[in-house]
Amino acid sequence: MRIGIFSDTHANYEALSAVFEAYTHESVDEYFCLGDTVGYGGSPNECSDLVRDKAKSTILGNHDAAVAGRMDYSYYYEAARQALDTHASMLSDENMEWLRGLPYKVELNDIGVHLCHGSPVRLEEFEYIFAPEQARECLPIYKELGHITLIGHSHLCKVFALTETTVEEIPAGDFELEDGKKYIVSVGSVGQPRDYDNRASFTVYDSDKKRFEFKRIEYDIETAADKVLRAKLERNFAHRLFIGV
């Protein structure tokens, strides 16, 4: 089976549309979204509609949880809070109800894949994993991990190979899973990459070949940025799309 895994669309319809167009060339059997469909961008309903239509399962992200009233986001900085409040007012009843029902984790145990938004250690706290010391916190639950755990949240492409006692960061390129190791992979962001590459990030996992692939695709950044401004959101949310940070 070939599955398409993507995350952190952040209401960027132009990026998400480009990703699904690119997926048509990847022979994908099923799609899975790792969360944060909303937040920051100008198209929360359009993105929610498309993810609901395409993804077999979608994980709850922290921005999804905030918009849906499932977490306290009073400590977020003002512009992020404003975007969340704006999206809460924009979302249709159907999309709001969808966000309220999203799970924190999905386990595809038949193919050894676990899906969550942030660290699998404390799911409801949405903790980051973008460095080896953060991945090391997963060692106490090593036996509970899938062969590969796929996460979002950091907007970065990262790969960590774990044994029961060690963590090694390996280059974020295409790779094949080895027996005797487990992997935590951060799949990057569709709608707001933060690795200085402004192309939308998406991934594919072939469970038969045990091969994981990172993909990037260009999209219409000008239109996406204009929608942010027309929604009267923070101007920097539009500017950062151009520079990928």
C-alpha atoms as a PDB file:
ATOM      1  CA  MET A   1       0.000   0.000   0.000  1.00  0.00           C
ATOM      2  CA  ARG A   2       1.129   3.536  -0.779  1.00  0.00           C
ATOM      3  CA  ILE A   3      -0.188   6.190   1.587  1.00  0.00           C
ATOM      4  CA  GLY A   4       0.060   9.943   1.258  1.00  0.00           C
ATOM      5  CA  ILE A   5       0.771  11.771   4.509  1.00  0.00           C
ATOM      6  CA  PHE A   6       0.641  15.540   4.877  1.00  0.00           C
ATOM      7  CA  SER A   7       0.334  18.045   7.702  1.00  0.00           C
ATOM      8  CA  ASP A   8       0.006  21.684   8.724  1.00  0.00           C
ATOM      9  CA  THR A   9      -2.001  23.008   5.801  1.00  0.00           C
ATOM     10  CA  HIS A  10      -2.903  26.089   7.871  1.00  0.00           C
ATOM     11  CA  ALA A  11      -5.765  27.277   5.686  1.00  0.00           C
ATOM     12  CA  ASN A  12      -3.545  27.565   2.593  1.00  0.00           C
ATOM     13  CA  TYR A  13      -5.831  26.287  -0.144  1.00  0.00           C
ATOM     14  CA  GLU A  14      -3.426  27.016  -2.982  1.00  0.00           C
ATOM     15  CA  ALA A  15      -0.712  24.882  -1.386  1.00  0.00           C
ATOM     16  CA  LEU A  16      -3.122  22.066  -0.533  1.00  0.00           C
ATOM     17  CA  SER A  17      -4.581  22.010  -4.045  1.00  0.00           C
ATOM     18  CA  ALA A  18      -1.080  21.802  -5.520  1.00  0.00           C
ATOM     19  CA  VAL A  19      -0.217  18.932  -3.185  1.00  0.00           C
ATOM     20  CA  PHE A  20      -3.257  16.909  -4.199  1.00  0.00           C
ATOM     21  CA  GLU A  21      -2.524  17.582  -7.868  1.00  0.00           C
ATOM     22  CA  ALA A  22       1.023  16.292  -7.277  1.00  0.00           C
ATOM     23  CA  TYR A  23      -0.336  13.231  -5.480  1.00  0.00           C
ATOM     24  CA  THR A  24      -2.170  12.186  -8.662  1.00  0.00           C
ATOM     25  CA  HIS A  25       1.248  11.201 -10.042  1.00  0.00           C
ATOM     26  CA  GLU A  26       2.232   9.117  -6.989  1.00  0.00           C
ATOM     27  CA  SER A  27      -0.178   6.136  -7.190  1.00  0.00           C
ATOM     28  CA  VAL A  28      -1.413   6.785  -3.647  1.00  0.00           C
ATOM     29  CA  ASP A  29      -4.038   4.442  -2.216  1.00  0.00           C
ATOM     30  CA  GLU A  30      -5.093   6.445   0.857  1.00  0.00           C
ATOM     31  CA  TYR A  31      -4.419   9.876   2.352  1.00  0.00           C
ATOM     32  CA  PHE A  32      -3.813  10.815   5.972  1.00  0.00           C
ATOM     33  CA  CYS A  33      -3.640  14.317   7.445  1.00  0.00           C
ATOM     34  CA  LEU A  34      -1.612  14.957  10.599  1.00  0.00           C
ATOM     35  CA  GLY A  35      -3.509  18.062  11.660  1.00  0.00           C
ATOM     36  CA  ASP A  36      -3.531  21.853  11.739  1.00  0.00           C
ATOM     37  CA  THR A  37      -5.818  22.245   8.766  1.00  0.00           C
ATOM     38  CA  VAL A  38      -6.710  25.706  10.118  1.00  0.00           C
ATOM     39  CA  GLY A  39      -4.782  28.636  11.582  1.00  0.00           C
ATOM     40  CA  TYR A  40      -2.719  31.427   9.933  1.00  0.00           C
ATOM     41  CA  GLY A  41      -4.123  31.302   6.382  1.00  0.00           C
ATOM     42  CA  GLY A  42      -7.062  32.717   4.492  1.00  0.00           C
ATOM     43  CA  SER A  43      -9.062  29.622   3.488  1.00  0.00           C
ATOM     44  CA  PRO A  44     -10.079  27.572   6.551  1.00  0.00           C
ATOM     45  CA  ASN A  45     -13.364  26.292   5.115  1.00  0.00           C
ATOM     46  CA  GLU A  46     -12.001  25.432   1.686  1.00  0.00           C
ATOM     47  CA  CYS A  47      -9.105  23.488   3.224  1.00  0.00           C
ATOM     48  CA  SER A  48     -11.339  21.714   5.724  1.00  0.00           C
ATOM     49  CA  ASP A  49     -13.712  20.701   2.938  1.00  0.00           C
ATOM     50  CA  LEU A  50     -10.869  19.315   0.826  1.00  0.00           C
ATOM     51  CA  VAL A  51      -9.216  17.421   3.672  1.00  0.00           C
ATOM     52  CA  ARG A  52     -12.551  15.965   4.766  1.00  0.00           C
ATOM     53  CA  ASP A  53     -13.155  14.791   1.201  1.00  0.00           C
ATOM     54  CA  LYS A  54      -9.705  13.320   0.560  1.00  0.00           C
ATOM     55  CA  ALA A  55      -8.227  12.024   3.825  1.00  0.00           C
ATOM     56  CA  LYS A  56      -9.196   8.652   5.238  1.00  0.00           C
ATOM     57  CA  SER A  57      -8.221   9.898   8.713  1.00  0.00           C
ATOM     58  CA  THR A  58      -7.232  13.306  10.065  1.00  0.00           C
ATOM     59  CA  ILE A  59      -5.416  13.961  13.343  1.00  0.00           C
ATOM     60  CA  LEU A  60      -6.229  16.831  15.693  1.00  0.00           C
ATOM     61  CA  GLY A  61      -3.596  19.577  15.590  1.00  0.00           C
ATOM     62  CA  ASN A  62      -3.131  22.263  18.200  1.00  0.00           C
ATOM     63  CA  HIS A  63      -4.634  24.983  15.981  1.00  0.00           C
ATOM     64  CA  ASP A  64      -7.572  22.706  15.220  1.00  0.00           C
ATOM     65  CA  ALA A  65      -8.034  22.103  18.938  1.00  0.00           C
ATOM     66  CA  ALA A  66      -7.922  25.831  19.689  1.00  0.00           C
ATOM     67  CA  VAL A  67     -10.469  26.749  17.033  1.00  0.00           C
ATOM     68  CA  ALA A  68     -12.749  23.929  18.147  1.00  0.00           C
ATOM     69  CA  GLY A  69     -12.633  24.961  21.817  1.00  0.00           C
ATOM     70  CA  ARG A  70     -10.700  21.862  22.863  1.00  0.00           C
ATOM     71  CA  MET A  71      -7.710  23.647  24.427  1.00  0.00           C
ATOM     72  CA  ASP A  72      -6.733  26.885  26.116  1.00  0.00           C
ATOM     73  CA  TYR A  73      -4.811  29.121  23.695  1.00  0.00           C
ATOM     74  CA  SER A  74      -4.725  32.278  25.782  1.00  0.00           C
ATOM     75  CA  TYR A  75      -0.929  32.000  25.974  1.00  0.00           C
ATOM     76  CA  TYR A  76      -0.538  32.153  22.168  1.00  0.00           C
ATOM     77  CA  TYR A  77       0.806  35.443  20.832  1.00  0.00           C
ATOM     78  CA  GLU A  78      -1.796  37.998  19.803  1.00  0.00           C
ATOM     79  CA  ALA A  79      -1.671  37.569  16.021  1.00  0.00           C
ATOM     80  CA  ALA A  80      -2.040  33.786  16.296  1.00  0.00           C
ATOM     81  CA  ARG A  81      -4.980  34.185  18.681  1.00  0.00           C
ATOM     82  CA  GLN A  82      -6.607  36.615  16.277  1.00  0.00           C
ATOM     83  CA  ALA A  83      -6.271  34.149  13.411  1.00  0.00           C
ATOM     84  CA  LEU A  84      -7.797  31.371  15.496  1.00  0.00           C
ATOM     85  CA  ASP A  85     -10.696  33.579  16.558  1.00  0.00           C
ATOM     86  CA  THR A  86     -11.233  34.672  12.959  1.00  0.00           C
ATOM     87  CA  HIS A  87     -11.262  31.093  11.737  1.00  0.00           C
ATOM     88  CA  ALA A  88     -13.696  30.066  14.465  1.00  0.00           C
ATOM     89  CA  SER A  89     -16.081  32.737  13.160  1.00  0.00           C
ATOM     90  CA  MET A  90     -15.558  31.710   9.512  1.00  0.00           C
ATOM     91  CA  LEU A  91     -15.944  27.933   9.762  1.00  0.00           C
ATOM     92  CA  SER A  92     -19.166  26.262   8.741  1.00  0.00           C
ATOM     93  CA  ASP A  93     -21.080  24.285  11.354  1.00  0.00           C
ATOM     94  CA  GLU A  94     -20.087  21.067   9.578  1.00  0.00           C
ATOM     95  CA  ASN A  95     -16.390  21.881   9.610  1.00  0.00           C
ATOM     96  CA  MET A  96     -16.464  22.995  13.236  1.00  0.00           C
ATOM     97  CA  GLU A  97     -18.156  19.749  14.235  1.00  0.00           C
ATOM     98  CA  TRP A  98     -15.540  17.817  12.267  1.00  0.00           C
ATOM     99  CA  LEU A  99     -12.703  19.525  14.160  1.00  0.00           C
ATOM    100  CA  ARG A 100     -14.405  18.803  17.472  1.00  0.00           C
ATOM    101  CA  GLY A 101     -14.390  15.086  16.710  1.00  0.00           C
ATOM    102  CA  LEU A 102     -10.814  14.593  15.463  1.00  0.00           C
ATOM    103  CA  PRO A 103      -8.614  12.068  17.307  1.00  0.00           C
ATOM    104  CA  TYR A 104      -5.204  12.724  18.860  1.00  0.00           C
ATOM    105  CA  LYS A 105      -3.735   9.566  17.352  1.00  0.00           C
ATOM    106  CA  VAL A 106      -4.426   6.927  14.717  1.00  0.00           C
ATOM    107  CA  GLU A 107      -2.637   3.564  14.619  1.00  0.00           C
ATOM    108  CA  LEU A 108      -2.381   1.651  11.350  1.00  0.00           C
ATOM    109  CA  ASN A 109      -1.014  -1.438  13.043  1.00  0.00           C
ATOM    110  CA  ASP A 110      -1.417  -3.677  10.000  1.00  0.00           C
ATOM    111  CA  ILE A 111       1.344  -1.685   8.278  1.00  0.00           C
ATOM    112  CA  GLY A 112       3.230  -0.557  11.392  1.00  0.00           C
ATOM    113  CA  VAL A 113       2.372   3.144  11.048  1.00  0.00           C
ATOM    114  CA  HIS A 114       1.321   5.471  13.882  1.00  0.00           C
ATOM    115  CA  LEU A 115       0.059   8.993  13.225  1.00  0.00           C
ATOM    116  CA  CYS A 116      -0.073  11.976  15.598  1.00  0.00           C
ATOM    117  CA  HIS A 117       0.429  15.729  15.419  1.00  0.00           C
ATOM    118  CA  GLY A 118       3.268  16.242  17.906  1.00  0.00           C
ATOM    119  CA  SER A 119       5.201  13.951  20.216  1.00  0.00           C
ATOM    120  CA  PRO A 120       3.488  10.610  20.933  1.00  0.00           C
ATOM    121  CA  VAL A 121       4.563  10.816  24.578  1.00  0.00           C
ATOM    122  CA  ARG A 122       1.952  13.339  25.813  1.00  0.00           C
ATOM    123  CA  LEU A 123      -0.483  13.677  22.950  1.00  0.00           C
ATOM    124  CA  GLU A 124      -2.697  16.408  24.374  1.00  0.00           C
ATOM    125  CA  GLU A 125       0.268  18.695  25.089  1.00  0.00           C
ATOM    126  CA  PHE A 126       1.336  18.926  21.425  1.00  0.00           C
ATOM    127  CA  GLU A 127       5.062  18.836  22.171  1.00  0.00           C
ATOM    128  CA  TYR A 128       7.608  19.309  19.405  1.00  0.00           C
ATOM    129  CA  ILE A 129      10.088  16.813  18.037  1.00  0.00           C
ATOM    130  CA  PHE A 130      12.669  18.496  15.826  1.00  0.00           C
ATOM    131  CA  ALA A 131      15.897  17.601  17.682  1.00  0.00           C
ATOM    132  CA  PRO A 132      17.443  14.334  18.949  1.00  0.00           C
ATOM    133  CA  GLU A 133      16.954  15.249  22.612  1.00  0.00           C
ATOM    134  CA  GLN A 134      13.215  15.615  22.012  1.00  0.00           C
ATOM    135  CA  ALA A 135      13.059  12.297  20.155  1.00  0.00           C
ATOM    136  CA  ARG A 136      14.945  10.719  23.067  1.00  0.00           C
ATOM    137  CA  GLU A 137      11.916  11.335  25.289  1.00  0.00           C
ATOM    138  CA  CYS A 138      10.180   8.607  23.271  1.00  0.00           C
ATOM    139  CA  LEU A 139      12.612   5.887  24.361  1.00  0.00           C
ATOM    140  CA  PRO A 140      10.571   4.934  27.484  1.00  0.00           C
ATOM    141  CA  ILE A 141       7.629   4.091  25.181  1.00  0.00           C
ATOM    142  CA  TYR A 142       9.808   2.470  22.495  1.00  0.00           C
ATOM    143  CA  LYS A 143       7.913  -0.831  22.549  1.00  0.00           C
ATOM    144  CA  GLU A 144       4.615   0.998  22.059  1.00  0.00           C
ATOM    145  CA  LEU A 145       5.760   2.866  18.947  1.00  0.00           C
ATOM    146  CA  GLY A 146       4.945   1.723  15.444  1.00  0.00           C
ATOM    147  CA  HIS A 147       7.741   0.815  13.063  1.00  0.00           C
ATOM    148  CA  ILE A 148       7.316   4.407  11.873  1.00  0.00           C
ATOM    149  CA  THR A 149       5.587   7.250  13.721  1.00  0.00           C
ATOM    150  CA  LEU A 150       4.642  10.177  11.506  1.00  0.00           C
ATOM    151  CA  ILE A 151       4.179  13.627  13.007  1.00  0.00           C
ATOM    152  CA  GLY A 152       3.764  17.273  12.005  1.00  0.00           C
ATOM    153  CA  HIS A 153       3.684  20.393  14.195  1.00  0.00           C
ATOM    154  CA  SER A 154       7.241  21.727  13.716  1.00  0.00           C
ATOM    155  CA  HIS A 155       6.759  22.487   9.992  1.00  0.00           C
ATOM    156  CA  LEU A 156      10.188  20.888   9.437  1.00  0.00           C
ATOM    157  CA  CYS A 157      11.252  17.718   7.621  1.00  0.00           C
ATOM    158  CA  LYS A 158      13.123  15.550  10.132  1.00  0.00           C
ATOM    159  CA  VAL A 159      13.974  11.854  10.541  1.00  0.00           C
ATOM    160  CA  PHE A 160      15.039  10.101  13.746  1.00  0.00           C
ATOM    161  CA  ALA A 161      16.042   6.430  13.895  1.00  0.00           C
ATOM    162  CA  LEU A 162      15.574   4.823  17.318  1.00  0.00           C
ATOM    163  CA  THR A 163      16.727   1.644  18.986  1.00  0.00           C
ATOM    164  CA  GLU A 164      15.690   0.765  22.536  1.00  0.00           C
ATOM    165  CA  THR A 165      18.586   2.853  23.900  1.00  0.00           C
ATOM    166  CA  THR A 166      19.704   5.258  21.165  1.00  0.00           C
ATOM    167  CA  VAL A 167      18.459   8.061  18.923  1.00  0.00           C
ATOM    168  CA  GLU A 168      20.143   9.060  15.675  1.00  0.00           C
ATOM    169  CA  GLU A 169      19.053  11.910  13.419  1.00  0.00           C
ATOM    170  CA  ILE A 170      19.449  10.971   9.769  1.00  0.00           C
ATOM    171  CA  PRO A 171      19.123  13.185   6.668  1.00  0.00           C
ATOM    172  CA  ALA A 172      15.557  14.071   5.702  1.00  0.00           C
ATOM    173  CA  GLY A 173      15.655  12.350   2.341  1.00  0.00           C
ATOM    174  CA  ASP A 174      14.045   9.240   0.924  1.00  0.00           C
ATOM    175  CA  PHE A 175      14.972   6.142   2.922  1.00  0.00           C
ATOM    176  CA  GLU A 176      14.040   2.511   3.585  1.00  0.00           C
ATOM    177  CA  LEU A 177      13.121   1.337   7.076  1.00  0.00           C
ATOM    178  CA  GLU A 178      15.469  -1.162   8.688  1.00  0.00           C
ATOM    179  CA  ASP A 179      14.451  -4.043  10.909  1.00  0.00           C
ATOM    180  CA  GLY A 180      15.496  -3.558  14.525  1.00  0.00           C
ATOM    181  CA  LYS A 181      14.909   0.198  14.394  1.00  0.00           C
ATOM    182  CA  LYS A 182      11.895   2.438  14.769  1.00  0.00           C
ATOM    183  CA  TYR A 183      11.485   5.816  13.158  1.00  0.00           C
ATOM    184  CA  ILE A 184       9.942   9.151  14.027  1.00  0.00           C
ATOM    185  CA  VAL A 185       9.451  11.315  10.957  1.00  0.00           C
ATOM    186  CA  SER A 186       8.318  14.927  10.865  1.00  0.00           C
ATOM    187  CA  VAL A 187       6.669  15.386   7.475  1.00  0.00           C
ATOM    188  CA  GLY A 188       6.979  19.167   7.083  1.00  0.00           C
ATOM    189  CA  SER A 189       4.187  21.597   6.257  1.00  0.00           C
ATOM    190  CA  VAL A 190       1.878  21.936   3.288  1.00  0.00           C
ATOM    191  CA  GLY A 191       0.854  25.510   3.925  1.00  0.00           C
ATOM    192  CA  GLN A 192       3.607  27.175   5.921  1.00  0.00           C
ATOM    193  CA  PRO A 193       7.058  25.531   5.547  1.00  0.00           C
ATOM    194  CA  ARG A 194       9.714  26.805   7.945  1.00  0.00           C
ATOM    195  CA  ASP A 195      12.901  25.361   6.472  1.00  0.00           C
ATOM    196  CA  TYR A 196      13.580  28.250   4.043  1.00  0.00           C
ATOM    197  CA  ASP A 197      12.073  26.255   1.182  1.00  0.00           C
ATOM    198  CA  ASN A 198       8.755  27.889   0.309  1.00  0.00           C
ATOM    199  CA  ARG A 199       7.439  24.919  -1.648  1.00  0.00           C
ATOM    200  CA  ALA A 200       4.644  22.863  -0.094  1.00  0.00           C
ATOM    201  CA  SER A 201       5.862  19.697   1.640  1.00  0.00           C
ATOM    202  CA  PHE A 202       4.137  16.308   1.418  1.00  0.00           C
ATOM    203  CA  THR A 203       5.195  12.694   1.807  1.00  0.00           C
ATOM    204  CA  VAL A 204       4.543   9.132   0.657  1.00  0.00           C
ATOM    205  CA  TYR A 205       5.094   5.853   2.481  1.00  0.00           C
ATOM    206  CA  ASP A 206       5.137   2.520   0.636  1.00  0.00           C
ATOM    207  CA  SER A 207       4.343  -0.107   3.261  1.00  0.00           C
ATOM    208  CA  ASP A 208       5.284  -3.021   0.991  1.00  0.00           C
ATOM    209  CA  LYS A 209       8.748  -1.672   0.192  1.00  0.00           C
ATOM    210  CA  LYS A 210       9.022   0.022   3.612  1.00  0.00           C
ATOM    211  CA  ARG A 211      10.203   3.116   1.779  1.00  0.00           C
ATOM    212  CA  PHE A 212       9.502   6.695   2.891  1.00  0.00           C
ATOM    213  CA  GLU A 213       9.675   9.606   0.451  1.00  0.00           C
ATOM    214  CA  PHE A 214       9.724  13.394   0.947  1.00  0.00           C
ATOM    215  CA  LYS A 215       8.180  15.548  -1.792  1.00  0.00           C
ATOM    216  CA  ARG A 216       7.967  19.309  -2.534  1.00  0.00           C
ATOM    217  CA  ILE A 217       5.790  21.235  -4.974  1.00  0.00           C
ATOM    218  CA  GLU A 218       5.570  24.886  -5.985  1.00  0.00           C
ATOM    219  CA  TYR A 219       2.224  26.637  -5.675  1.00  0.00           C
ATOM    220  CA  ASP A 220       0.582  30.034  -6.190  1.00  0.00           C
ATOM    221  CA  ILE A 221       2.027  31.879  -3.192  1.00  0.00           C
ATOM    222  CA  GLU A 222       0.818  35.276  -4.397  1.00  0.00           C
ATOM    223  CA  THR A 223      -2.835  34.237  -4.263  1.00  0.00           C
ATOM    224  CA  ALA A 224      -2.447  32.503  -0.903  1.00  0.00           C
ATOM    225  CA  ALA A 225      -0.763  35.567   0.579  1.00  0.00           C
ATOM    226  CA  ASP A 226      -3.432  37.875  -0.816  1.00  0.00           C
ATOM    227  CA  LYS A 227      -6.128  35.806   0.877  1.00  0.00           C
ATOM    228  CA  VAL A 228      -4.348  36.226   4.218  1.00  0.00           C
ATOM    229  CA  LEU A 229      -4.384  39.995   3.777  1.00  0.00           C
ATOM    230  CA  ARG A 230      -8.003  40.095   2.631  1.00  0.00           C
ATOM    231  CA  ALA A 231      -8.971  38.145   5.748  1.00  0.00           C
ATOM    232  CA  LYS A 232      -7.317  40.958   7.745  1.00  0.00           C
ATOM    233  CA  LEU A 233      -4.868  38.591   9.416  1.00  0.00           C
ATOM    234  CA  GLU A 234      -1.305  39.445  10.470  1.00  0.00           C
ATOM    235  CA  ARG A 235       0.686  40.645   7.427  1.00  0.00           C
ATOM    236  CA  ASN A 236       3.652  38.509   8.439  1.00  0.00           C
ATOM    237  CA  PHE A 237       1.543  35.380   7.893  1.00  0.00           C
ATOM    238  CA  ALA A 238       1.466  36.380   4.225  1.00  0.00           C
ATOM    239  CA  HIS A 239       5.112  37.498   4.011  1.00  0.00           C
ATOM    240  CA  ARG A 240       6.549  34.322   5.504  1.00  0.00           C
ATOM    241  CA  LEU A 241       4.961  32.216   2.741  1.00  0.00           C
ATOM    242  CA  PHE A 242       7.404  33.750   0.258  1.00  0.00           C
ATOM    243  CA  ILE A 243      10.517  33.017   2.313  1.00  0.00           C
ATOM    244  CA  GLY A 244       9.533  29.651   3.783  1.00  0.00           C
ATOM    245  CA  VAL A 245      10.019  30.451   7.445  1.00  0.00           C
END
